[in-house]
Amino acid sequence: MSKKKYDIFYIKTTYSLMIALLISKEIDRYFILNSSISESIKSKILKRWKGISINEDIPLKGIKKYFIKINLSKKIKKEISKISKDSFVYGYIYSTFIGDILKSKFRYCILEDGLANYELKHRNKKKINFKNFLLGGSLFEYESYGVGDETKRIYLTGLAEIPKEIKEKVVLVNLKEMWDLKSEDEKKEILDIFSIYPSEIEVLKNAKNILFTQPLSEDSILSEEEKVELYKKIMRNYSEKEVLIKPHPREKTDYKKVFEKATILKREIPFELLVLLGVKFEKAITIFSTAAFSLGEKVKVDFYGTEIHQNIYKNFGSLENIKIERRKLEE
């Protein structure tokens, strides 16, 4: 029996999921969904198309990590054994245990997920990893961001200048144009996956400004208290009741307890999709989230920058290729 060809989507964020759904023209889709995707979205995806849910939370130390990798390898290899090698994987930007297995078996395409593909200063090098190989993984840990030969295409929206190392592989995509090309049934399907309803859209249209928060405490860049205090200082510059807060999908902070007068957007909704639906704002507020640049040229961006806190700057650098005037935090 011949193996079936799929568009394989290795998804770890709702933003890359949105791009995947917009890019794909194939009816035959196969999804590998990370545990960071909400249960609601995973359930809807796996009812429509073939796929699996995987938990890639692998401990850095201890014997447990070896058993997790062995089980992950068995699960993913069992699934991909049914799929034609002519399939394309549209996947995550970084080198991961699962991602490296997929890169060794299929042609790999990267989907944009923030600024990482525009900032190649800290990419890892391709190297042999015998431990992962013995546990069922790939012999190689591949280079991140699509620099290596195993990555064939990189889908970007042009958030910043494209580095010369990947320029020949980049396919520039316009989210609005891709959305407009979808049929009404396809649009309804995408909105249903993200649980976006007409009544919610009308409420969101009443907000004047939008604040994009980031998982600074969840990623151990700041403590939870430091993160909340930083956003409190930023919010002093705005009328709270006029602000829609878009939490990052991985955040656990309950912003409604911090900013009672603000409107909080559901975490699983990629904000860029709301822009496609006609939700408009006067101003986008962010420390350094790239989502703020998806609102169009008429929307002013208050970009506070990584320099706002020494720990953020230490981890992410100055992001100097984002050519925009920074706003200083008023003390």
C-alpha atoms as a PDB file:
ATOM      1  CA  MET A   1       0.000   0.000   0.000  1.00  0.00           C
ATOM      2  CA  SER A   2       1.378   3.422  -0.979  1.00  0.00           C
ATOM      3  CA  LYS A   3       1.823   5.967   1.785  1.00  0.00           C
ATOM      4  CA  LYS A   4      -0.285   9.119   1.751  1.00  0.00           C
ATOM      5  CA  LYS A   5       1.136  12.587   1.139  1.00  0.00           C
ATOM      6  CA  TYR A   6       0.221  15.271   3.680  1.00  0.00           C
ATOM      7  CA  ASP A   7       0.915  18.827   4.617  1.00  0.00           C
ATOM      8  CA  ILE A   8       2.341  18.146   8.092  1.00  0.00           C
ATOM      9  CA  PHE A   9       2.026  20.961  10.617  1.00  0.00           C
ATOM     10  CA  TYR A  10       4.286  20.838  13.685  1.00  0.00           C
ATOM     11  CA  ILE A  11       2.599  23.504  15.805  1.00  0.00           C
ATOM     12  CA  LYS A  12       3.653  25.033  19.119  1.00  0.00           C
ATOM     13  CA  THR A  13       1.935  28.446  19.047  1.00  0.00           C
ATOM     14  CA  THR A  14      -1.469  29.791  17.996  1.00  0.00           C
ATOM     15  CA  TYR A  15       0.218  32.348  15.737  1.00  0.00           C
ATOM     16  CA  SER A  16       1.984  29.667  13.697  1.00  0.00           C
ATOM     17  CA  LEU A  17      -1.266  27.668  13.667  1.00  0.00           C
ATOM     18  CA  MET A  18      -3.056  30.649  12.131  1.00  0.00           C
ATOM     19  CA  ILE A  19      -0.373  30.994   9.439  1.00  0.00           C
ATOM     20  CA  ALA A  20      -0.546  27.242   8.781  1.00  0.00           C
ATOM     21  CA  LEU A  21      -4.304  27.380   8.243  1.00  0.00           C
ATOM     22  CA  LEU A  22      -3.927  30.356   5.907  1.00  0.00           C
ATOM     23  CA  ILE A  23      -1.056  28.873   3.892  1.00  0.00           C
ATOM     24  CA  SER A  24      -2.381  25.368   3.421  1.00  0.00           C
ATOM     25  CA  LYS A  25      -4.200  24.587   0.176  1.00  0.00           C
ATOM     26  CA  GLU A  26      -4.130  20.833   0.675  1.00  0.00           C
ATOM     27  CA  ILE A  27      -7.200  18.998   1.934  1.00  0.00           C
ATOM     28  CA  ASP A  28      -4.944  16.310   3.451  1.00  0.00           C
ATOM     29  CA  ARG A  29      -3.465  17.888   6.569  1.00  0.00           C
ATOM     30  CA  TYR A  30      -1.695  16.189   9.450  1.00  0.00           C
ATOM     31  CA  PHE A  31      -1.160  18.051  12.741  1.00  0.00           C
ATOM     32  CA  ILE A  32       1.436  17.494  15.463  1.00  0.00           C
ATOM     33  CA  LEU A  33       0.170  19.738  18.260  1.00  0.00           C
ATOM     34  CA  ASN A  34       2.243  20.725  21.268  1.00  0.00           C
ATOM     35  CA  SER A  35       0.712  20.753  24.764  1.00  0.00           C
ATOM     36  CA  SER A  36       0.978  24.570  24.764  1.00  0.00           C
ATOM     37  CA  ILE A  37      -2.015  24.628  22.392  1.00  0.00           C
ATOM     38  CA  SER A  38      -5.285  24.769  24.344  1.00  0.00           C
ATOM     39  CA  GLU A  39      -7.404  21.635  24.693  1.00  0.00           C
ATOM     40  CA  SER A  40     -10.296  23.404  22.973  1.00  0.00           C
ATOM     41  CA  ILE A  41      -8.255  24.133  19.852  1.00  0.00           C
ATOM     42  CA  LYS A  42      -6.612  20.697  19.805  1.00  0.00           C
ATOM     43  CA  SER A  43      -9.996  18.999  20.047  1.00  0.00           C
ATOM     44  CA  LYS A  44     -11.390  20.962  17.099  1.00  0.00           C
ATOM     45  CA  ILE A  45      -8.290  20.381  14.968  1.00  0.00           C
ATOM     46  CA  LEU A  46      -8.163  16.632  15.598  1.00  0.00           C
ATOM     47  CA  LYS A  47     -11.876  16.214  14.867  1.00  0.00           C
ATOM     48  CA  ARG A  48     -11.355  17.721  11.405  1.00  0.00           C
ATOM     49  CA  TRP A  49      -7.981  16.320  10.398  1.00  0.00           C
ATOM     50  CA  LYS A  50      -5.567  13.544  11.269  1.00  0.00           C
ATOM     51  CA  GLY A  51      -2.906  14.230  13.875  1.00  0.00           C
ATOM     52  CA  ILE A  52      -1.645  13.773  17.417  1.00  0.00           C
ATOM     53  CA  SER A  53      -1.075  15.803  20.551  1.00  0.00           C
ATOM     54  CA  ILE A  54       2.353  15.581  22.180  1.00  0.00           C
ATOM     55  CA  ASN A  55       3.878  16.853  25.399  1.00  0.00           C
ATOM     56  CA  GLU A  56       7.422  18.103  24.813  1.00  0.00           C
ATOM     57  CA  ASP A  57       8.056  19.249  28.380  1.00  0.00           C
ATOM     58  CA  ILE A  58      11.366  17.431  28.806  1.00  0.00           C
ATOM     59  CA  PRO A  59      13.292  17.922  32.089  1.00  0.00           C
ATOM     60  CA  LEU A  60      16.834  19.240  31.712  1.00  0.00           C
ATOM     61  CA  LYS A  61      18.195  16.794  34.271  1.00  0.00           C
ATOM     62  CA  GLY A  62      17.365  13.417  35.776  1.00  0.00           C
ATOM     63  CA  ILE A  63      16.595   9.928  34.491  1.00  0.00           C
ATOM     64  CA  LYS A  64      13.001  10.896  33.647  1.00  0.00           C
ATOM     65  CA  LYS A  65      14.056  12.881  30.577  1.00  0.00           C
ATOM     66  CA  TYR A  66      15.412   9.718  28.908  1.00  0.00           C
ATOM     67  CA  PHE A  67      12.137   7.834  29.285  1.00  0.00           C
ATOM     68  CA  ILE A  68      10.205  10.854  27.976  1.00  0.00           C
ATOM     69  CA  LYS A  69      12.415  11.083  24.889  1.00  0.00           C
ATOM     70  CA  ILE A  70      12.127   7.346  24.188  1.00  0.00           C
ATOM     71  CA  ASN A  71       8.328   7.495  24.399  1.00  0.00           C
ATOM     72  CA  LEU A  72       8.175  10.644  22.262  1.00  0.00           C
ATOM     73  CA  SER A  73      10.380   9.024  19.640  1.00  0.00           C
ATOM     74  CA  LYS A  74       8.251   5.860  19.509  1.00  0.00           C
ATOM     75  CA  LYS A  75       5.035   7.870  19.236  1.00  0.00           C
ATOM     76  CA  ILE A  76       6.198  10.236  16.510  1.00  0.00           C
ATOM     77  CA  LYS A  77       7.966   7.555  14.443  1.00  0.00           C
ATOM     78  CA  LYS A  78       4.888   5.321  14.533  1.00  0.00           C
ATOM     79  CA  GLU A  79       2.817   8.174  13.140  1.00  0.00           C
ATOM     80  CA  ILE A  80       5.194   9.367  10.429  1.00  0.00           C
ATOM     81  CA  SER A  81       5.807   5.798   9.223  1.00  0.00           C
ATOM     82  CA  LYS A  82       2.349   6.027   7.618  1.00  0.00           C
ATOM     83  CA  ILE A  83       3.195   9.223   5.715  1.00  0.00           C
ATOM     84  CA  SER A  84       4.879   9.607   2.324  1.00  0.00           C
ATOM     85  CA  LYS A  85       8.384  11.050   2.326  1.00  0.00           C
ATOM     86  CA  ASP A  86       7.195  13.452  -0.385  1.00  0.00           C
ATOM     87  CA  SER A  87       5.260  15.342   2.307  1.00  0.00           C
ATOM     88  CA  PHE A  88       6.304  18.771   3.552  1.00  0.00           C
ATOM     89  CA  VAL A  89       6.566  19.707   7.225  1.00  0.00           C
ATOM     90  CA  TYR A  90       5.590  23.260   8.165  1.00  0.00           C
ATOM     91  CA  GLY A  91       7.126  23.662  11.548  1.00  0.00           C
ATOM     92  CA  TYR A  92       8.742  25.287  14.500  1.00  0.00           C
ATOM     93  CA  ILE A  93      11.733  27.590  14.077  1.00  0.00           C
ATOM     94  CA  TYR A  94      14.049  26.081  16.696  1.00  0.00           C
ATOM     95  CA  SER A  95      15.875  22.779  16.979  1.00  0.00           C
ATOM     96  CA  THR A  96      13.836  20.416  19.202  1.00  0.00           C
ATOM     97  CA  PHE A  97      13.886  16.659  19.802  1.00  0.00           C
ATOM     98  CA  ILE A  98      10.725  16.143  17.719  1.00  0.00           C
ATOM     99  CA  GLY A  99      11.580  18.832  15.188  1.00  0.00           C
ATOM    100  CA  ASP A 100      14.967  17.250  14.458  1.00  0.00           C
ATOM    101  CA  ILE A 101      13.334  13.864  13.792  1.00  0.00           C
ATOM    102  CA  LEU A 102      10.976  15.530  11.312  1.00  0.00           C
ATOM    103  CA  LYS A 103      13.844  17.413   9.637  1.00  0.00           C
ATOM    104  CA  SER A 104      15.712  14.130   9.100  1.00  0.00           C
ATOM    105  CA  LYS A 105      12.683  12.486   7.396  1.00  0.00           C
ATOM    106  CA  PHE A 106      10.908  15.214   5.400  1.00  0.00           C
ATOM    107  CA  ARG A 107      11.420  18.484   3.554  1.00  0.00           C
ATOM    108  CA  TYR A 108      11.067  21.154   6.233  1.00  0.00           C
ATOM    109  CA  CYS A 109       9.514  24.615   6.021  1.00  0.00           C
ATOM    110  CA  ILE A 110       9.562  27.146   8.849  1.00  0.00           C
ATOM    111  CA  LEU A 111       6.569  29.250   9.857  1.00  0.00           C
ATOM    112  CA  GLU A 112       7.194  32.700  11.327  1.00  0.00           C
ATOM    113  CA  ASP A 113       6.860  32.923  15.105  1.00  0.00           C
ATOM    114  CA  GLY A 114       7.894  36.388  16.226  1.00  0.00           C
ATOM    115  CA  LEU A 115      11.267  38.010  15.612  1.00  0.00           C
ATOM    116  CA  ALA A 116      13.506  34.968  15.904  1.00  0.00           C
ATOM    117  CA  ASN A 117      14.077  34.487  12.169  1.00  0.00           C
ATOM    118  CA  TYR A 118      15.076  38.131  11.851  1.00  0.00           C
ATOM    119  CA  GLU A 119      17.588  37.882  14.719  1.00  0.00           C
ATOM    120  CA  LEU A 120      20.201  35.207  13.953  1.00  0.00           C
ATOM    121  CA  LYS A 121      22.865  36.264  16.429  1.00  0.00           C
ATOM    122  CA  HIS A 122      22.321  33.415  18.869  1.00  0.00           C
ATOM    123  CA  ARG A 123      21.538  30.491  16.562  1.00  0.00           C
ATOM    124  CA  ASN A 124      22.893  27.092  17.505  1.00  0.00           C
ATOM    125  CA  LYS A 125      25.237  25.113  15.258  1.00  0.00           C
ATOM    126  CA  LYS A 126      24.438  21.757  13.682  1.00  0.00           C
ATOM    127  CA  LYS A 127      26.044  19.036  15.769  1.00  0.00           C
ATOM    128  CA  ILE A 128      25.996  15.298  16.362  1.00  0.00           C
ATOM    129  CA  ASN A 129      24.061  14.137  19.429  1.00  0.00           C
ATOM    130  CA  PHE A 130      24.663  10.421  20.091  1.00  0.00           C
ATOM    131  CA  LYS A 131      22.526  10.464  23.249  1.00  0.00           C
ATOM    132  CA  ASN A 132      19.432  11.586  21.380  1.00  0.00           C
ATOM    133  CA  PHE A 133      20.201   9.113  18.582  1.00  0.00           C
ATOM    134  CA  LEU A 134      20.373   6.195  21.042  1.00  0.00           C
ATOM    135  CA  LEU A 135      17.047   7.332  22.542  1.00  0.00           C
ATOM    136  CA  GLY A 136      15.389   7.181  19.130  1.00  0.00           C
ATOM    137  CA  GLY A 137      15.898  10.765  18.022  1.00  0.00           C
ATOM    138  CA  SER A 138      17.829  12.199  15.109  1.00  0.00           C
ATOM    139  CA  LEU A 139      21.597  11.794  14.940  1.00  0.00           C
ATOM    140  CA  PHE A 140      21.839  15.554  14.482  1.00  0.00           C
ATOM    141  CA  GLU A 141      20.721  18.609  16.355  1.00  0.00           C
ATOM    142  CA  TYR A 142      19.966  20.907  13.463  1.00  0.00           C
ATOM    143  CA  GLU A 143      20.628  24.617  13.211  1.00  0.00           C
ATOM    144  CA  SER A 144      17.750  26.838  14.286  1.00  0.00           C
ATOM    145  CA  TYR A 145      15.934  29.472  12.203  1.00  0.00           C
ATOM    146  CA  GLY A 146      16.277  27.593   8.906  1.00  0.00           C
ATOM    147  CA  VAL A 147      19.961  28.303   8.330  1.00  0.00           C
ATOM    148  CA  GLY A 148      20.797  24.651   7.514  1.00  0.00           C
ATOM    149  CA  ASP A 149      20.212  22.812   4.227  1.00  0.00           C
ATOM    150  CA  GLU A 150      17.416  20.693   5.703  1.00  0.00           C
ATOM    151  CA  THR A 151      15.098  23.723   5.713  1.00  0.00           C
ATOM    152  CA  LYS A 152      13.754  24.372   2.219  1.00  0.00           C
ATOM    153  CA  ARG A 153      11.460  27.371   2.749  1.00  0.00           C
ATOM    154  CA  ILE A 154      10.815  29.994   5.421  1.00  0.00           C
ATOM    155  CA  TYR A 155       7.473  31.799   5.504  1.00  0.00           C
ATOM    156  CA  LEU A 156       7.799  35.337   6.866  1.00  0.00           C
ATOM    157  CA  THR A 157       5.586  38.421   6.888  1.00  0.00           C
ATOM    158  CA  GLY A 158       8.484  40.902   6.683  1.00  0.00           C
ATOM    159  CA  LEU A 159       8.420  42.230  10.249  1.00  0.00           C
ATOM    160  CA  ALA A 160      12.009  43.421   9.924  1.00  0.00           C
ATOM    161  CA  GLU A 161      15.015  43.194   7.631  1.00  0.00           C
ATOM    162  CA  ILE A 162      15.610  39.615   6.502  1.00  0.00           C
ATOM    163  CA  PRO A 163      19.124  38.315   7.330  1.00  0.00           C
ATOM    164  CA  LYS A 164      21.288  37.403   4.336  1.00  0.00           C
ATOM    165  CA  GLU A 165      21.847  33.866   5.717  1.00  0.00           C
ATOM    166  CA  ILE A 166      18.250  32.867   4.952  1.00  0.00           C
ATOM    167  CA  LYS A 167      17.174  35.390   2.309  1.00  0.00           C
ATOM    168  CA  GLU A 168      17.125  32.922  -0.621  1.00  0.00           C
ATOM    169  CA  LYS A 169      14.736  30.593   1.253  1.00  0.00           C
ATOM    170  CA  VAL A 170      12.273  33.217   2.423  1.00  0.00           C
ATOM    171  CA  VAL A 171       8.741  33.341   1.034  1.00  0.00           C
ATOM    172  CA  LEU A 172       7.108  36.643   1.980  1.00  0.00           C
ATOM    173  CA  VAL A 173       3.420  36.227   2.794  1.00  0.00           C
ATOM    174  CA  ASN A 174       0.656  38.777   3.261  1.00  0.00           C
ATOM    175  CA  LEU A 175      -1.863  37.613   5.869  1.00  0.00           C
ATOM    176  CA  LYS A 176      -4.643  39.865   4.537  1.00  0.00           C
ATOM    177  CA  GLU A 177      -4.233  38.604   0.987  1.00  0.00           C
ATOM    178  CA  MET A 178      -4.239  34.970   2.143  1.00  0.00           C
ATOM    179  CA  TRP A 179      -7.366  35.577   4.233  1.00  0.00           C
ATOM    180  CA  ASP A 180      -9.176  37.215   1.322  1.00  0.00           C
ATOM    181  CA  LEU A 181      -8.402  34.207  -0.885  1.00  0.00           C
ATOM    182  CA  LYS A 182     -10.172  31.840   1.525  1.00  0.00           C
ATOM    183  CA  SER A 183     -13.773  30.842   0.818  1.00  0.00           C
ATOM    184  CA  GLU A 184     -16.483  31.834   3.291  1.00  0.00           C
ATOM    185  CA  ASP A 185     -16.654  28.239   4.534  1.00  0.00           C
ATOM    186  CA  GLU A 186     -12.878  28.177   5.084  1.00  0.00           C
ATOM    187  CA  LYS A 187     -13.044  31.469   6.997  1.00  0.00           C
ATOM    188  CA  LYS A 188     -15.854  30.163   9.222  1.00  0.00           C
ATOM    189  CA  GLU A 189     -13.834  27.019   9.888  1.00  0.00           C
ATOM    190  CA  ILE A 190     -10.784  29.019  11.021  1.00  0.00           C
ATOM    191  CA  LEU A 191     -12.889  31.283  13.257  1.00  0.00           C
ATOM    192  CA  ASP A 192     -14.564  28.265  14.834  1.00  0.00           C
ATOM    193  CA  ILE A 193     -11.192  26.662  15.619  1.00  0.00           C
ATOM    194  CA  PHE A 194     -10.184  29.761  17.583  1.00  0.00           C
ATOM    195  CA  SER A 195     -13.686  30.204  19.107  1.00  0.00           C
ATOM    196  CA  ILE A 196     -14.160  33.698  17.680  1.00  0.00           C
ATOM    197  CA  TYR A 197     -17.794  34.798  17.635  1.00  0.00           C
ATOM    198  CA  PRO A 198     -19.436  37.944  16.125  1.00  0.00           C
ATOM    199  CA  SER A 199     -20.573  39.270  19.527  1.00  0.00           C
ATOM    200  CA  GLU A 200     -16.974  39.246  20.805  1.00  0.00           C
ATOM    201  CA  ILE A 201     -15.691  41.093  17.770  1.00  0.00           C
ATOM    202  CA  GLU A 202     -18.117  43.959  18.401  1.00  0.00           C
ATOM    203  CA  VAL A 203     -16.914  44.298  22.017  1.00  0.00           C
ATOM    204  CA  LEU A 204     -13.281  44.341  20.906  1.00  0.00           C
ATOM    205  CA  LYS A 205     -13.965  47.103  18.407  1.00  0.00           C
ATOM    206  CA  ASN A 206     -14.829  49.414  21.317  1.00  0.00           C
ATOM    207  CA  ALA A 207     -11.276  49.378  22.703  1.00  0.00           C
ATOM    208  CA  LYS A 208      -9.002  52.289  21.794  1.00  0.00           C
ATOM    209  CA  ASN A 209      -5.570  50.834  22.595  1.00  0.00           C
ATOM    210  CA  ILE A 210      -4.135  47.336  22.871  1.00  0.00           C
ATOM    211  CA  LEU A 211      -1.396  46.073  25.195  1.00  0.00           C
ATOM    212  CA  PHE A 212       0.532  42.964  24.120  1.00  0.00           C
ATOM    213  CA  THR A 213       2.008  41.246  27.172  1.00  0.00           C
ATOM    214  CA  GLN A 214       4.759  38.622  27.111  1.00  0.00           C
ATOM    215  CA  PRO A 215       5.694  35.496  29.142  1.00  0.00           C
ATOM    216  CA  LEU A 216       8.579  37.150  30.964  1.00  0.00           C
ATOM    217  CA  SER A 217       7.932  35.372  34.268  1.00  0.00           C
ATOM    218  CA  GLU A 218       6.960  32.052  32.659  1.00  0.00           C
ATOM    219  CA  ASP A 219      10.297  32.103  30.784  1.00  0.00           C
ATOM    220  CA  SER A 220      12.174  33.016  33.993  1.00  0.00           C
ATOM    221  CA  ILE A 221      13.325  36.370  32.622  1.00  0.00           C
ATOM    222  CA  LEU A 222      11.576  38.238  35.463  1.00  0.00           C
ATOM    223  CA  SER A 223       9.757  37.128  38.583  1.00  0.00           C
ATOM    224  CA  GLU A 224       5.952  37.271  38.464  1.00  0.00           C
ATOM    225  CA  GLU A 225       6.015  40.290  40.785  1.00  0.00           C
ATOM    226  CA  GLU A 226       8.583  42.103  38.616  1.00  0.00           C
ATOM    227  CA  LYS A 227       6.557  41.463  35.475  1.00  0.00           C
ATOM    228  CA  VAL A 228       3.288  42.677  36.972  1.00  0.00           C
ATOM    229  CA  GLU A 229       4.940  45.789  38.418  1.00  0.00           C
ATOM    230  CA  LEU A 230       6.507  46.573  35.037  1.00  0.00           C
ATOM    231  CA  TYR A 231       3.136  46.417  33.294  1.00  0.00           C
ATOM    232  CA  LYS A 232       1.574  48.531  36.047  1.00  0.00           C
ATOM    233  CA  LYS A 233       4.153  51.244  35.343  1.00  0.00           C
ATOM    234  CA  ILE A 234       3.447  51.065  31.615  1.00  0.00           C
ATOM    235  CA  MET A 235      -0.336  51.204  32.115  1.00  0.00           C
ATOM    236  CA  ARG A 236      -0.033  54.454  34.116  1.00  0.00           C
ATOM    237  CA  ASN A 237       0.470  56.162  30.756  1.00  0.00           C
ATOM    238  CA  TYR A 238      -2.988  55.131  29.499  1.00  0.00           C
ATOM    239  CA  SER A 239      -6.659  55.058  30.489  1.00  0.00           C
ATOM    240  CA  GLU A 240      -7.183  51.504  31.734  1.00  0.00           C
ATOM    241  CA  LYS A 241     -10.799  51.231  30.537  1.00  0.00           C
ATOM    242  CA  GLU A 242      -9.707  52.048  26.971  1.00  0.00           C
ATOM    243  CA  VAL A 243      -7.123  49.238  26.839  1.00  0.00           C
ATOM    244  CA  LEU A 244      -7.574  45.718  25.512  1.00  0.00           C
ATOM    245  CA  ILE A 245      -4.942  43.385  26.979  1.00  0.00           C
ATOM    246  CA  LYS A 246      -3.738  40.519  24.778  1.00  0.00           C
ATOM    247  CA  PRO A 247      -1.900  38.040  27.033  1.00  0.00           C
ATOM    248  CA  HIS A 248       0.667  35.746  25.456  1.00  0.00           C
ATOM    249  CA  PRO A 249      -0.748  32.184  25.077  1.00  0.00           C
ATOM    250  CA  ARG A 250       1.847  30.764  27.494  1.00  0.00           C
ATOM    251  CA  GLU A 251       1.207  33.289  30.243  1.00  0.00           C
ATOM    252  CA  LYS A 252      -0.488  32.262  33.475  1.00  0.00           C
ATOM    253  CA  THR A 253      -0.990  35.743  34.895  1.00  0.00           C
ATOM    254  CA  ASP A 254      -4.603  36.700  35.630  1.00  0.00           C
ATOM    255  CA  TYR A 255      -4.543  40.248  34.257  1.00  0.00           C
ATOM    256  CA  LYS A 256      -8.175  40.846  35.198  1.00  0.00           C
ATOM    257  CA  LYS A 257      -7.097  40.869  38.840  1.00  0.00           C
ATOM    258  CA  VAL A 258      -4.377  43.400  38.055  1.00  0.00           C
ATOM    259  CA  PHE A 259      -6.313  45.679  35.674  1.00  0.00           C
ATOM    260  CA  GLU A 260      -9.990  45.422  36.594  1.00  0.00           C
ATOM    261  CA  LYS A 261     -11.193  48.092  34.162  1.00  0.00           C
ATOM    262  CA  ALA A 262      -9.386  46.715  31.102  1.00  0.00           C
ATOM    263  CA  THR A 263     -10.789  44.161  28.635  1.00  0.00           C
ATOM    264  CA  ILE A 264      -8.845  40.885  28.492  1.00  0.00           C
ATOM    265  CA  LEU A 265      -8.696  38.912  25.249  1.00  0.00           C
ATOM    266  CA  LYS A 266      -8.833  35.126  25.349  1.00  0.00           C
ATOM    267  CA  ARG A 267      -5.298  33.718  25.270  1.00  0.00           C
ATOM    268  CA  GLU A 268      -5.856  31.227  22.477  1.00  0.00           C
ATOM    269  CA  ILE A 269      -6.878  33.876  19.934  1.00  0.00           C
ATOM    270  CA  PRO A 270      -3.989  35.091  17.712  1.00  0.00           C
ATOM    271  CA  PHE A 271      -4.477  38.818  17.610  1.00  0.00           C
ATOM    272  CA  GLU A 272      -3.444  39.055  13.971  1.00  0.00           C
ATOM    273  CA  LEU A 273      -6.631  37.167  13.095  1.00  0.00           C
ATOM    274  CA  LEU A 274      -8.739  39.909  14.698  1.00  0.00           C
ATOM    275  CA  VAL A 275      -6.972  42.459  12.502  1.00  0.00           C
ATOM    276  CA  LEU A 276      -8.112  40.463   9.478  1.00  0.00           C
ATOM    277  CA  LEU A 277     -11.673  40.770  10.809  1.00  0.00           C
ATOM    278  CA  GLY A 278     -11.537  44.558  10.897  1.00  0.00           C
ATOM    279  CA  VAL A 279     -10.766  45.205  14.582  1.00  0.00           C
ATOM    280  CA  LYS A 280      -8.879  48.524  14.682  1.00  0.00           C
ATOM    281  CA  PHE A 281      -6.950  50.460  17.301  1.00  0.00           C
ATOM    282  CA  GLU A 282      -5.332  53.870  17.590  1.00  0.00           C
ATOM    283  CA  LYS A 283      -2.297  52.615  19.460  1.00  0.00           C
ATOM    284  CA  ALA A 284      -0.457  49.349  20.159  1.00  0.00           C
ATOM    285  CA  ILE A 285       1.520  49.086  23.402  1.00  0.00           C
ATOM    286  CA  THR A 286       4.303  46.578  23.930  1.00  0.00           C
ATOM    287  CA  ILE A 287       7.693  45.966  25.477  1.00  0.00           C
ATOM    288  CA  PHE A 288       8.949  44.120  22.374  1.00  0.00           C
ATOM    289  CA  SER A 289       6.150  41.903  21.002  1.00  0.00           C
ATOM    290  CA  THR A 290       6.136  41.778  17.191  1.00  0.00           C
ATOM    291  CA  ALA A 291       2.334  41.435  17.156  1.00  0.00           C
ATOM    292  CA  ALA A 292       2.197  45.208  17.608  1.00  0.00           C
ATOM    293  CA  PHE A 293       3.397  45.640  14.025  1.00  0.00           C
ATOM    294  CA  SER A 294       0.483  43.718  12.505  1.00  0.00           C
ATOM    295  CA  LEU A 295      -1.996  46.575  12.859  1.00  0.00           C
ATOM    296  CA  GLY A 296      -1.048  48.619   9.811  1.00  0.00           C
ATOM    297  CA  GLU A 297       0.893  51.833   9.255  1.00  0.00           C
ATOM    298  CA  LYS A 298      -1.839  54.092  10.663  1.00  0.00           C
ATOM    299  CA  VAL A 299      -1.586  52.583  14.154  1.00  0.00           C
ATOM    300  CA  LYS A 300       1.015  54.171  16.414  1.00  0.00           C
ATOM    301  CA  VAL A 301       3.241  51.720  18.288  1.00  0.00           C
ATOM    302  CA  ASP A 302       4.483  52.520  21.800  1.00  0.00           C
ATOM    303  CA  PHE A 303       7.510  50.212  21.740  1.00  0.00           C
ATOM    304  CA  TYR A 304       9.269  50.362  25.121  1.00  0.00           C
ATOM    305  CA  GLY A 305      12.093  48.033  24.076  1.00  0.00           C
ATOM    306  CA  THR A 306      14.254  45.466  25.840  1.00  0.00           C
ATOM    307  CA  GLU A 307      16.215  48.243  27.545  1.00  0.00           C
ATOM    308  CA  ILE A 308      13.261  48.705  29.892  1.00  0.00           C
ATOM    309  CA  HIS A 309      14.774  46.107  32.260  1.00  0.00           C
ATOM    310  CA  GLN A 310      18.343  44.785  32.505  1.00  0.00           C
ATOM    311  CA  ASN A 311      17.239  41.121  32.587  1.00  0.00           C
ATOM    312  CA  ILE A 312      15.174  41.523  29.420  1.00  0.00           C
ATOM    313  CA  TYR A 313      18.047  43.283  27.655  1.00  0.00           C
ATOM    314  CA  LYS A 314      20.481  40.590  28.819  1.00  0.00           C
ATOM    315  CA  ASN A 315      18.336  37.835  27.291  1.00  0.00           C
ATOM    316  CA  PHE A 316      17.192  39.481  24.051  1.00  0.00           C
ATOM    317  CA  GLY A 317      19.655  42.236  23.232  1.00  0.00           C
ATOM    318  CA  SER A 318      18.642  45.592  21.768  1.00  0.00           C
ATOM    319  CA  LEU A 319      16.698  44.313  18.704  1.00  0.00           C
ATOM    320  CA  GLU A 320      18.284  47.112  16.743  1.00  0.00           C
ATOM    321  CA  ASN A 321      16.901  45.923  13.400  1.00  0.00           C
ATOM    322  CA  ILE A 322      13.429  47.016  14.528  1.00  0.00           C
ATOM    323  CA  LYS A 323      13.558  50.522  13.123  1.00  0.00           C
ATOM    324  CA  ILE A 324      11.039  52.343  15.291  1.00  0.00           C
ATOM    325  CA  GLU A 325      11.164  55.122  17.832  1.00  0.00           C
ATOM    326  CA  ARG A 326      11.225  53.721  21.386  1.00  0.00           C
ATOM    327  CA  ARG A 327       9.097  55.170  24.139  1.00  0.00           C
ATOM    328  CA  LYS A 328      10.795  55.709  27.469  1.00  0.00           C
ATOM    329  CA  LEU A 329       9.078  54.434  30.587  1.00  0.00           C
ATOM    330  CA  GLU A 330       7.941  57.363  32.649  1.00  0.00           C
ATOM    331  CA  GLU A 331       8.977  56.966  36.270  1.00  0.00           C
END
